Amino acid sequence: IDGRQNLMTEDHRLTSESERTRLTKMGGPLRDGETRLC
């Protein structure tokens, strides 16, 4: 917009505290380097 980049989405990575919390609440196992398809 107006020649600027805008963040459209957020990466869902285990390094993200909010993503780690979300997955923990869902009861899923957390392993670094694992590929997830939801």
N, C-alpha and C. Protein backbone atom coordinates (compact mmCIF):
# COMPACT_ATOMS: atom_id res chain seq x y z
N ILE A 1 0.86 -1.17 0.00
CA ILE A 1 0.00 0.00 0.00
C ILE A 1 0.90 1.23 0.00
N ASP A 2 0.67 2.13 -0.90
CA ASP A 2 1.47 3.34 -1.02
C ASP A 2 2.96 3.03 -1.15
N GLY A 3 3.31 1.93 -1.84
CA GLY A 3 4.70 1.56 -2.05
C GLY A 3 5.39 0.94 -0.85
N ARG A 4 4.63 0.63 0.20
CA ARG A 4 5.21 0.02 1.41
C ARG A 4 4.82 -1.45 1.49
N GLN A 5 5.67 -2.23 2.12
CA GLN A 5 5.34 -3.63 2.37
C GLN A 5 4.48 -3.71 3.62
N ASN A 6 3.48 -4.59 3.58
CA ASN A 6 2.62 -4.81 4.73
C ASN A 6 2.65 -6.29 5.08
N LEU A 7 2.81 -6.59 6.36
CA LEU A 7 2.79 -7.96 6.84
C LEU A 7 1.37 -8.50 6.70
N MET A 8 1.21 -9.54 5.90
CA MET A 8 -0.13 -10.09 5.64
C MET A 8 -0.44 -11.30 6.52
N THR A 9 0.57 -12.09 6.80
CA THR A 9 0.37 -13.28 7.63
C THR A 9 1.52 -13.41 8.61
N GLU A 10 1.34 -14.25 9.59
CA GLU A 10 2.38 -14.53 10.57
C GLU A 10 2.82 -15.98 10.39
N ASP A 11 4.13 -16.22 10.37
CA ASP A 11 4.62 -17.59 10.27
C ASP A 11 4.22 -18.36 11.52
N HIS A 12 3.80 -19.59 11.32
CA HIS A 12 3.42 -20.46 12.44
C HIS A 12 4.62 -21.36 12.75
N ARG A 13 5.53 -20.84 13.55
CA ARG A 13 6.75 -21.56 13.89
C ARG A 13 6.83 -21.76 15.39
N LEU A 14 7.50 -22.83 15.80
CA LEU A 14 7.64 -23.10 17.22
C LEU A 14 8.48 -22.05 17.93
N THR A 15 9.23 -21.27 17.18
CA THR A 15 10.01 -20.20 17.81
C THR A 15 9.11 -19.03 18.22
N SER A 16 7.88 -19.02 17.72
CA SER A 16 6.91 -17.99 18.10
C SER A 16 6.24 -18.42 19.41
N GLU A 17 6.33 -17.59 20.43
CA GLU A 17 5.74 -17.93 21.72
C GLU A 17 4.24 -18.15 21.61
N SER A 18 3.55 -17.34 20.81
CA SER A 18 2.10 -17.50 20.68
C SER A 18 1.75 -18.82 19.99
N GLU A 19 2.55 -19.23 19.01
CA GLU A 19 2.29 -20.50 18.32
C GLU A 19 2.59 -21.68 19.24
N ARG A 20 3.67 -21.60 20.00
CA ARG A 20 4.00 -22.67 20.94
C ARG A 20 2.89 -22.82 21.98
N THR A 21 2.37 -21.71 22.48
CA THR A 21 1.28 -21.73 23.45
C THR A 21 0.02 -22.33 22.84
N ARG A 22 -0.30 -21.94 21.61
CA ARG A 22 -1.50 -22.45 20.93
C ARG A 22 -1.42 -23.97 20.77
N LEU A 23 -0.28 -24.47 20.32
CA LEU A 23 -0.13 -25.91 20.11
C LEU A 23 -0.14 -26.68 21.43
N THR A 24 0.45 -26.10 22.46
CA THR A 24 0.45 -26.74 23.78
C THR A 24 -0.98 -26.89 24.28
N LYS A 25 -1.80 -25.86 24.12
CA LYS A 25 -3.20 -25.91 24.55
C LYS A 25 -3.99 -26.96 23.78
N MET A 26 -3.60 -27.21 22.52
CA MET A 26 -4.27 -28.23 21.71
C MET A 26 -3.82 -29.64 22.08
N GLY A 27 -2.76 -29.73 22.87
CA GLY A 27 -2.28 -31.04 23.30
C GLY A 27 -1.33 -31.71 22.33
N GLY A 28 -0.88 -30.99 21.32
CA GLY A 28 0.02 -31.58 20.33
C GLY A 28 1.45 -31.63 20.84
N PRO A 29 2.20 -32.67 20.42
CA PRO A 29 3.62 -32.73 20.81
C PRO A 29 4.41 -31.65 20.08
N LEU A 30 5.38 -31.08 20.74
CA LEU A 30 6.19 -30.02 20.16
C LEU A 30 7.61 -30.52 19.95
N ARG A 31 8.03 -30.58 18.68
CA ARG A 31 9.39 -31.00 18.34
C ARG A 31 9.95 -30.01 17.34
N ASP A 32 11.06 -29.40 17.68
CA ASP A 32 11.70 -28.44 16.78
C ASP A 32 12.09 -29.13 15.48
N GLY A 33 11.90 -28.45 14.36
CA GLY A 33 12.26 -28.98 13.05
C GLY A 33 11.19 -29.84 12.42
N GLU A 34 10.10 -30.08 13.11
CA GLU A 34 9.02 -30.92 12.60
C GLU A 34 8.13 -30.11 11.65
N THR A 35 7.72 -30.74 10.55
CA THR A 35 6.79 -30.11 9.62
C THR A 35 5.37 -30.47 10.02
N ARG A 36 4.51 -29.47 10.09
CA ARG A 36 3.11 -29.71 10.49
C ARG A 36 2.19 -29.30 9.35
N LEU A 37 1.22 -30.11 9.09
CA LEU A 37 0.16 -29.77 8.13
C LEU A 37 -1.15 -29.84 8.88
N CYS A 38 -1.85 -28.72 8.96
CA CYS A 38 -3.11 -28.66 9.71
C CYS A 38 -4.27 -28.46 8.77
